[in-house]
Amino acid sequence: MSKKVFVISESAFRRNLIAEMISSHESILVSERARNEQETIDKIEKVNPDVLILDIELKDKEWLSPFNALINRFNIPTIILTDKNPKLTTHSTLPLISKSYDYIIKPEGVWREQLPKIRDQLIAKILMIDIPKSHKLDSKTRLINKSLFIQQSQQIRKKEDVNKAKTIKSEKEIRMAPSFNIFDEPRLEEYFLELAPVSFVKLTTKIIVIGASVGGPRTLRTILSEIPKNFPIPILVVQHLNHLFMRQFVVSLKNVCNINVKIGSNYEIIRAGNIYLSPGDKHMQVTVKNDEPCIRTFEGEPINYCRPSVDVLFYSCARVYKEKTLGILLTGMGRDGAAGLRAIKSNGGRTIAESEETSILYGMPKAAAEIGAADLIIPNYKIIDEIIRFVS
């Protein structure tokens, strides 16, 4: 069943462009559009949308202020498209952002050229809202509504292949890799990691790193809840979520997991028996301090249009833990994590990609499979067995 989306923007051009972008996905229906708060109120009860897309310019206070009350009144999940980073704006605009479901910072430049760059990110956030309970994966029931997962995956990958082929990254986002790049990648974004060789590091355990995007929270909850007590190695996870929803997700994991779950802190020593999740809106990588592996978190530029980025974590872990790494890439849209998984494999680590059979969106693991980055391509209910086998 399609999600009904209501697009609100003062600009008719942006309303139409945003609607065209998201309606290209088979599971999204643009049911209405509005110019301002009054038009929204007049139409909202008639169409009963599942999601609001609110395109805002923070400088236009007169147009913007009525939407605080509107979001409270209708309690519909709202994704804000904002022209500025909310962290850098005045406190008067923060209530609108905090009450919304999520937000995306719009790219600068000519709208017709720049706005399509956030298409995949926007579609992914829409699809993450209120995924029906019938889609939830459970290791005991194995597969629920299997045919729906396969149908979604096939539809999405056709669109994805076309759109990804057209994506061109700006010179500002990409720099040539140094000649001593040990991962044999021709180009690397500057924020991936420090590429200088690690001279010495005390590795007392192996490590598991996991990356996920759309559909990830439910799949991660199923997998991580089966990790046994006294688990002897650390697990680091990047899930594409903002900081507000990351905190809620960590709390929900604490209620079902047998080992400690926390958000990783900058320069925190990595200890066995912990699950570390990346902070929302920050990259997380493995680095070395006083000869011990530790976590580094930093804002940096988005990588693969994502922050946090799975590739940032995977590349850094391949560099520090090498063959003692198990990399796992789960459901999600796009290619984030595919190159990093290959880096883990190239340095002797073990790699797994979730199969199409159980992926809610078969994008990221499909990209890894296509480049030969995965040693195993398996449904998510078999991953816990491979985790236990890797430990032993």
Protein backbone atom coordinates (compact mmCIF):
# COMPACT_ATOMS: atom_id res chain seq x y z
CA MET A 1 0.00 0.00 0.00
CA SER A 2 1.39 3.41 -1.00
CA LYS A 3 2.24 6.08 1.55
CA LYS A 4 0.19 9.23 0.97
CA VAL A 5 2.46 12.28 1.12
CA PHE A 6 1.42 15.95 1.43
CA VAL A 7 4.03 18.41 0.06
CA ILE A 8 4.06 21.96 1.48
CA SER A 9 6.27 24.70 0.06
CA GLU A 10 5.91 28.41 -0.56
CA SER A 11 7.53 27.90 -3.96
CA ALA A 12 5.33 26.34 -6.67
CA PHE A 13 8.46 25.23 -8.52
CA ARG A 14 9.82 23.39 -5.46
CA ARG A 15 6.43 21.86 -4.67
CA ASN A 16 6.26 20.37 -8.14
CA LEU A 17 9.90 19.26 -8.20
CA ILE A 18 9.71 17.57 -4.78
CA ALA A 19 6.44 15.87 -5.75
CA GLU A 20 7.95 14.63 -9.01
CA MET A 21 11.04 13.31 -7.23
CA ILE A 22 9.28 11.24 -4.58
CA SER A 23 6.34 10.05 -6.69
CA SER A 24 8.83 8.28 -8.95
CA HIS A 25 8.86 5.58 -6.26
CA GLU A 26 6.08 2.99 -6.59
CA SER A 27 5.32 3.02 -2.84
CA ILE A 28 4.80 6.79 -2.58
CA LEU A 29 1.72 8.73 -3.67
CA VAL A 30 1.69 12.54 -3.57
CA SER A 31 -1.91 13.07 -2.48
CA GLU A 32 -1.87 16.87 -2.13
CA ARG A 33 0.25 20.03 -2.27
CA ALA A 34 -0.12 23.36 -0.46
CA ARG A 35 1.45 26.82 -0.51
CA ASN A 36 1.05 27.83 3.15
CA GLU A 37 -0.41 26.87 6.52
CA GLN A 38 -3.98 27.89 5.67
CA GLU A 39 -4.06 25.85 2.45
CA THR A 40 -2.65 22.92 4.39
CA ILE A 41 -5.42 23.11 7.01
CA ASP A 42 -8.09 23.36 4.29
CA LYS A 43 -6.85 20.22 2.53
CA ILE A 44 -5.26 18.02 5.18
CA GLU A 45 -8.41 16.45 6.64
CA LYS A 46 -9.76 15.62 3.18
CA VAL A 47 -6.70 13.65 2.04
CA ASN A 48 -5.63 12.23 5.44
CA PRO A 49 -1.93 11.95 4.52
CA ASP A 50 0.57 9.55 6.09
CA VAL A 51 3.50 11.97 5.83
CA LEU A 52 4.01 15.74 5.53
CA ILE A 53 6.98 17.15 3.61
CA LEU A 54 7.55 20.71 4.80
CA ASP A 55 9.99 22.75 2.70
CA ILE A 56 11.15 25.74 4.75
CA GLU A 57 13.39 28.78 4.51
CA LEU A 58 14.32 29.62 8.09
CA LYS A 59 14.65 33.35 7.37
CA ASP A 60 10.93 33.59 6.50
CA LYS A 61 9.60 33.71 10.09
CA GLU A 62 6.16 35.02 9.17
CA TRP A 63 5.47 32.09 6.83
CA LEU A 64 7.11 29.55 9.12
CA SER A 65 5.75 30.23 12.62
CA PRO A 66 2.16 28.91 12.13
CA PHE A 67 3.50 25.45 11.34
CA ASN A 68 4.56 24.84 14.96
CA ALA A 69 0.88 24.70 15.95
CA LEU A 70 -0.10 22.77 12.83
CA ILE A 71 2.34 19.92 13.53
CA ASN A 72 1.04 19.68 17.10
CA ARG A 73 -2.58 19.77 15.99
CA PHE A 74 -2.50 17.01 13.39
CA ASN A 75 0.29 14.81 14.78
CA ILE A 76 1.32 13.55 11.35
CA PRO A 77 4.94 12.45 10.82
CA THR A 78 6.69 15.43 9.23
CA ILE A 79 9.97 15.57 7.33
CA ILE A 80 11.47 19.06 7.23
CA LEU A 81 13.53 20.22 4.24
CA THR A 82 15.58 23.04 5.72
CA ASP A 83 17.95 25.51 4.09
CA LYS A 84 20.24 25.64 7.16
CA ASN A 85 21.62 23.23 9.73
CA PRO A 86 19.18 23.44 12.69
CA LYS A 87 22.13 23.21 15.09
CA LEU A 88 23.35 26.58 13.83
CA THR A 89 20.00 28.38 13.98
CA THR A 90 18.29 30.32 16.75
CA HIS A 91 16.30 28.56 19.46
CA SER A 92 13.03 29.92 18.08
CA THR A 93 13.21 27.53 15.11
CA LEU A 94 14.27 24.44 17.04
CA PRO A 95 10.78 23.48 18.34
CA LEU A 96 9.59 22.95 14.77
CA ILE A 97 12.58 20.74 13.99
CA SER A 98 12.39 18.77 17.25
CA LYS A 99 8.68 18.05 16.83
CA SER A 100 9.17 16.78 13.28
CA TYR A 101 9.90 13.15 12.43
CA ASP A 102 13.18 13.99 10.71
CA TYR A 103 14.90 16.68 8.65
CA ILE A 104 17.17 17.01 5.62
CA ILE A 105 19.47 19.95 4.89
CA LYS A 106 18.87 21.07 1.32
CA PRO A 107 21.90 21.40 -0.99
CA GLU A 108 22.96 24.86 -2.06
CA GLY A 109 22.91 26.00 -5.66
CA VAL A 110 20.47 25.90 -8.56
CA TRP A 111 17.34 24.06 -7.44
CA ARG A 112 16.75 22.16 -10.67
CA GLU A 113 20.28 20.73 -10.51
CA GLN A 114 20.83 20.35 -6.77
CA LEU A 115 17.51 19.23 -5.26
CA PRO A 116 17.46 15.80 -6.98
CA LYS A 117 20.62 14.94 -5.01
CA ILE A 118 18.51 14.40 -1.89
CA ARG A 119 15.94 12.26 -3.71
CA ASP A 120 17.15 8.89 -2.38
CA GLN A 121 17.61 10.26 1.13
CA LEU A 122 14.10 11.74 1.17
CA ILE A 123 12.48 8.59 -0.20
CA ALA A 124 14.33 6.47 2.35
CA LYS A 125 13.07 8.61 5.24
CA ILE A 126 9.50 8.45 3.93
CA LEU A 127 9.64 4.66 3.68
CA MET A 128 11.02 4.36 7.22
CA ILE A 129 7.89 5.94 8.71
CA ASP A 130 5.44 3.47 10.22
CA ILE A 131 6.59 0.34 8.40
CA PRO A 132 3.68 -2.07 8.96
CA LYS A 133 4.11 -4.64 11.71
CA SER A 134 3.60 -7.38 9.15
CA HIS A 135 7.01 -6.42 7.68
CA LYS A 136 8.89 -7.07 10.94
CA LEU A 137 11.43 -9.86 10.66
CA ASP A 138 11.61 -12.43 13.43
CA SER A 139 14.22 -15.17 13.61
CA LYS A 140 11.71 -17.63 15.01
CA THR A 141 9.03 -17.12 12.37
CA ARG A 142 11.82 -16.64 9.80
CA LEU A 143 9.91 -14.86 7.05
CA ILE A 144 6.65 -12.99 7.26
CA ASN A 145 5.06 -11.70 4.09
CA LYS A 146 8.04 -12.86 2.05
CA SER A 147 6.48 -12.11 -1.33
CA LEU A 148 6.03 -8.44 -0.38
CA PHE A 149 9.73 -8.06 0.48
CA ILE A 150 10.81 -9.59 -2.83
CA GLN A 151 8.36 -7.46 -4.82
CA GLN A 152 9.54 -4.25 -3.12
CA SER A 153 13.18 -5.15 -3.67
CA GLN A 154 12.74 -5.87 -7.37
CA GLN A 155 10.85 -2.62 -7.97
CA ILE A 156 13.35 -0.51 -6.05
CA ARG A 157 16.50 -1.87 -7.59
CA LYS A 158 15.28 -1.12 -11.14
CA LYS A 159 14.80 2.55 -10.19
CA GLU A 160 17.98 2.60 -8.15
CA ASP A 161 20.20 1.32 -10.97
CA VAL A 162 19.00 4.11 -13.28
CA ASN A 163 19.32 6.90 -10.70
CA LYS A 164 22.69 5.82 -9.33
CA ALA A 165 24.14 5.70 -12.83
CA LYS A 166 23.24 9.38 -13.23
CA THR A 167 24.70 10.49 -9.91
CA ILE A 168 27.75 12.74 -10.24
CA LYS A 169 29.60 13.84 -7.11
CA SER A 170 31.13 17.29 -7.00
CA GLU A 171 34.86 17.88 -6.82
CA LYS A 172 34.35 19.33 -3.36
CA GLU A 173 33.05 15.96 -2.10
CA ILE A 174 35.72 13.76 -3.68
CA ARG A 175 39.51 14.00 -3.74
CA MET A 176 42.07 11.76 -5.34
CA ALA A 177 43.29 9.05 -2.98
CA PRO A 178 46.95 9.17 -1.87
CA SER A 179 49.33 6.82 -3.69
CA PHE A 180 49.76 4.64 -0.57
CA ASN A 181 46.05 3.78 -0.35
CA ILE A 182 46.10 0.19 0.95
CA PHE A 183 42.50 -0.45 -0.10
CA ASP A 184 43.16 -0.06 -3.84
CA GLU A 185 40.34 2.48 -4.22
CA PRO A 186 41.04 5.04 -6.97
CA ARG A 187 39.22 7.88 -5.16
CA LEU A 188 38.33 8.48 -1.52
CA GLU A 189 36.38 11.21 0.25
CA GLU A 190 38.64 13.18 2.55
CA TYR A 191 36.67 12.29 5.69
CA PHE A 192 36.85 8.51 5.35
CA LEU A 193 39.86 8.00 7.62
CA GLU A 194 43.51 8.72 8.21
CA LEU A 195 45.34 6.59 5.69
CA ALA A 196 48.75 6.60 7.41
CA PRO A 197 49.65 3.00 8.41
CA VAL A 198 48.95 1.92 12.00
CA SER A 199 52.37 1.40 13.58
CA PHE A 200 51.22 -0.61 16.60
CA VAL A 201 47.94 -1.50 18.24
CA LYS A 202 47.04 -3.99 20.99
CA LEU A 203 44.23 -6.15 19.67
CA THR A 204 42.92 -8.41 22.42
CA THR A 205 39.72 -9.43 20.61
CA LYS A 206 38.14 -9.67 17.20
CA ILE A 207 35.45 -7.12 16.24
CA ILE A 208 32.07 -7.08 14.46
CA VAL A 209 30.89 -4.05 12.48
CA ILE A 210 27.36 -3.72 11.10
CA GLY A 211 25.81 -1.19 8.71
CA ALA A 212 22.12 -0.66 7.95
CA SER A 213 19.69 1.89 6.57
CA VAL A 214 15.99 1.58 5.63
CA GLY A 215 14.49 -1.34 7.54
CA GLY A 216 17.60 -1.62 9.69
CA PRO A 217 16.15 -0.90 13.15
CA ARG A 218 13.83 -3.89 13.04
CA THR A 219 16.42 -6.21 11.54
CA LEU A 220 19.09 -5.05 14.00
CA ARG A 221 16.72 -5.54 16.93
CA THR A 222 16.11 -9.13 15.84
CA ILE A 223 19.81 -9.94 15.37
CA LEU A 224 21.25 -8.09 18.38
CA SER A 225 18.63 -9.44 20.79
CA GLU A 226 20.07 -12.91 20.19
CA ILE A 227 23.64 -11.98 21.13
CA PRO A 228 24.32 -14.05 24.28
CA LYS A 229 25.47 -12.74 27.66
CA ASN A 230 29.24 -12.45 28.25
CA PHE A 231 29.79 -11.96 24.53
CA PRO A 232 33.59 -11.84 24.15
CA ILE A 233 34.02 -9.22 21.42
CA PRO A 234 32.72 -5.68 20.70
CA ILE A 235 30.08 -4.81 18.09
CA LEU A 236 29.99 -1.41 16.34
CA VAL A 237 26.89 -0.37 14.41
CA VAL A 238 26.10 2.43 11.97
CA GLN A 239 22.37 2.90 11.37
CA HIS A 240 21.17 5.81 9.23
CA LEU A 241 19.15 7.82 11.79
CA ASN A 242 19.24 11.35 13.15
CA HIS A 243 20.27 11.96 16.77
CA LEU A 244 16.72 12.17 18.14
CA PHE A 245 15.67 8.80 16.78
CA MET A 246 19.05 7.23 17.50
CA ARG A 247 18.55 7.85 21.22
CA GLN A 248 15.10 6.23 21.10
CA PHE A 249 16.51 3.30 19.16
CA VAL A 250 19.27 2.71 21.72
CA VAL A 251 16.72 2.71 24.55
CA SER A 252 14.62 0.14 22.69
CA LEU A 253 17.69 -2.07 22.15
CA LYS A 254 18.61 -1.91 25.84
CA ASN A 255 15.24 -3.47 26.62
CA VAL A 256 15.83 -6.54 24.43
CA CYS A 257 19.62 -7.11 24.37
CA ASN A 258 21.61 -9.32 26.75
CA ILE A 259 24.75 -7.14 26.67
CA ASN A 260 25.34 -3.42 27.16
CA VAL A 261 24.16 -1.08 24.41
CA LYS A 262 25.34 2.53 24.15
CA ILE A 263 26.07 5.39 21.77
CA GLY A 264 29.78 5.55 21.04
CA SER A 265 31.71 8.47 22.56
CA ASN A 266 34.65 10.29 21.03
CA TYR A 267 37.95 8.52 21.89
CA GLU A 268 36.22 5.91 24.03
CA ILE A 269 38.29 2.72 24.33
CA ILE A 270 36.56 -0.19 22.58
CA ARG A 271 35.75 -2.93 25.09
CA ALA A 272 34.45 -6.46 24.60
CA GLY A 273 30.84 -7.20 25.50
CA ASN A 274 29.47 -3.85 24.30
CA ILE A 275 27.33 -2.79 21.36
CA TYR A 276 28.33 0.73 20.25
CA LEU A 277 26.00 2.67 17.95
CA SER A 278 27.06 5.72 15.99
CA PRO A 279 25.67 9.06 17.22
CA GLY A 280 22.97 10.43 14.94
CA ASP A 281 24.29 13.00 12.45
CA LYS A 282 27.93 12.04 13.19
CA HIS A 283 30.33 9.62 11.56
CA MET A 284 31.89 6.89 13.72
CA GLN A 285 35.21 5.24 12.98
CA VAL A 286 37.83 3.07 14.67
CA THR A 287 41.14 4.73 15.45
CA VAL A 288 44.06 4.17 17.84
CA LYS A 289 44.96 6.02 21.04
CA ASN A 290 47.80 4.96 23.36
CA ASP A 291 48.15 1.78 21.28
CA GLU A 292 44.54 0.75 21.98
CA PRO A 293 41.64 0.74 19.51
CA CYS A 294 39.07 3.40 20.28
CA ILE A 295 36.08 5.15 18.77
CA ARG A 296 36.28 8.48 17.01
CA THR A 297 33.11 10.46 16.24
CA PHE A 298 33.07 13.54 14.05
CA GLU A 299 30.64 15.55 11.93
CA GLY A 300 32.52 15.87 8.64
CA GLU A 301 30.86 15.93 5.24
CA PRO A 302 28.23 13.33 4.30
CA ILE A 303 29.70 10.29 2.57
CA ASN A 304 27.47 8.62 -0.04
CA TYR A 305 24.99 11.37 0.99
CA CYS A 306 24.92 9.79 4.47
CA ARG A 307 26.04 10.91 7.92
CA PRO A 308 26.71 8.65 9.70
CA SER A 309 28.19 6.62 6.87
CA VAL A 310 28.73 2.87 6.97
CA ASP A 311 31.78 3.18 4.71
CA VAL A 312 33.54 5.44 7.25
CA LEU A 313 33.25 2.74 9.93
CA PHE A 314 34.07 -0.19 7.64
CA TYR A 315 37.18 1.37 6.08
CA SER A 316 38.60 2.33 9.47
CA CYS A 317 37.99 -1.11 10.93
CA ALA A 318 39.68 -2.78 7.96
CA ARG A 319 42.70 -0.58 8.62
CA VAL A 320 42.96 -1.28 12.36
CA TYR A 321 41.54 -4.79 12.94
CA LYS A 322 42.28 -6.24 9.48
CA GLU A 323 41.65 -10.03 9.45
CA LYS A 324 40.04 -9.90 12.91
CA THR A 325 36.98 -8.13 11.47
CA LEU A 326 33.52 -9.44 10.62
CA GLY A 327 31.65 -6.90 8.47
CA ILE A 328 27.88 -7.22 8.02
CA LEU A 329 25.86 -5.08 5.57
CA LEU A 330 22.08 -5.12 6.02
CA THR A 331 19.01 -3.72 4.28
CA GLY A 332 19.11 -0.18 2.90
CA MET A 333 18.89 2.11 -0.11
CA GLY A 334 21.95 3.23 -2.03
CA ARG A 335 25.55 1.98 -1.97
CA ASP A 336 26.82 3.08 1.45
CA GLY A 337 28.95 0.32 2.99
CA ALA A 338 29.63 -1.68 -0.19
CA ALA A 339 33.14 -0.33 -0.78
CA GLY A 340 33.93 -0.54 2.94
CA LEU A 341 32.85 -4.18 3.04
CA ARG A 342 35.23 -4.87 0.16
CA ALA A 343 38.01 -3.15 2.11
CA ILE A 344 37.39 -5.50 5.05
CA LYS A 345 37.50 -8.52 2.76
CA SER A 346 40.66 -7.28 1.01
CA ASN A 347 42.42 -7.07 4.36
CA GLY A 348 41.57 -10.61 5.38
CA GLY A 349 38.33 -10.04 7.28
CA ARG A 350 35.07 -11.97 6.98
CA THR A 351 32.12 -10.31 5.19
CA ILE A 352 28.36 -10.88 5.01
CA ALA A 353 25.63 -9.15 2.97
CA GLU A 354 21.94 -9.66 3.68
CA SER A 355 20.21 -11.46 0.82
CA GLU A 356 17.36 -10.09 -1.25
CA GLU A 357 15.09 -12.67 0.37
CA THR A 358 14.79 -10.68 3.61
CA SER A 359 16.01 -7.17 2.72
CA ILE A 360 13.30 -4.55 3.06
CA LEU A 361 15.28 -2.50 0.52
CA TYR A 362 17.82 -4.50 -1.47
CA GLY A 363 20.15 -1.63 -2.29
CA MET A 364 23.24 -1.55 -0.06
CA PRO A 365 23.72 -5.33 0.20
CA LYS A 366 23.01 -5.70 -3.52
CA ALA A 367 25.78 -3.18 -4.28
CA ALA A 368 28.18 -5.20 -2.10
CA ALA A 369 27.21 -8.44 -3.84
CA GLU A 370 27.76 -6.91 -7.28
CA ILE A 371 31.36 -5.91 -6.53
CA GLY A 372 32.23 -9.23 -4.88
CA ALA A 373 32.58 -7.73 -1.40
CA ALA A 374 30.59 -10.41 0.45
CA ASP A 375 31.90 -13.84 1.41
CA LEU A 376 28.35 -14.84 2.30
CA ILE A 377 25.00 -13.57 0.99
CA ILE A 378 22.38 -14.91 3.40
CA PRO A 379 18.95 -14.04 4.85
CA ASN A 380 19.04 -12.08 8.08
CA TYR A 381 17.81 -14.96 10.25
CA LYS A 382 21.03 -16.88 9.49
CA ILE A 383 23.37 -14.03 10.46
CA ILE A 384 23.36 -14.78 14.20
CA ASP A 385 24.75 -18.27 13.47
CA GLU A 386 27.62 -16.74 11.50
CA ILE A 387 28.31 -14.28 14.32
CA ILE A 388 28.62 -17.13 16.84
CA ARG A 389 30.80 -19.09 14.40
CA PHE A 390 33.11 -16.07 13.93
CA VAL A 391 33.56 -15.72 17.68
CA SER A 392 34.40 -19.38 18.18
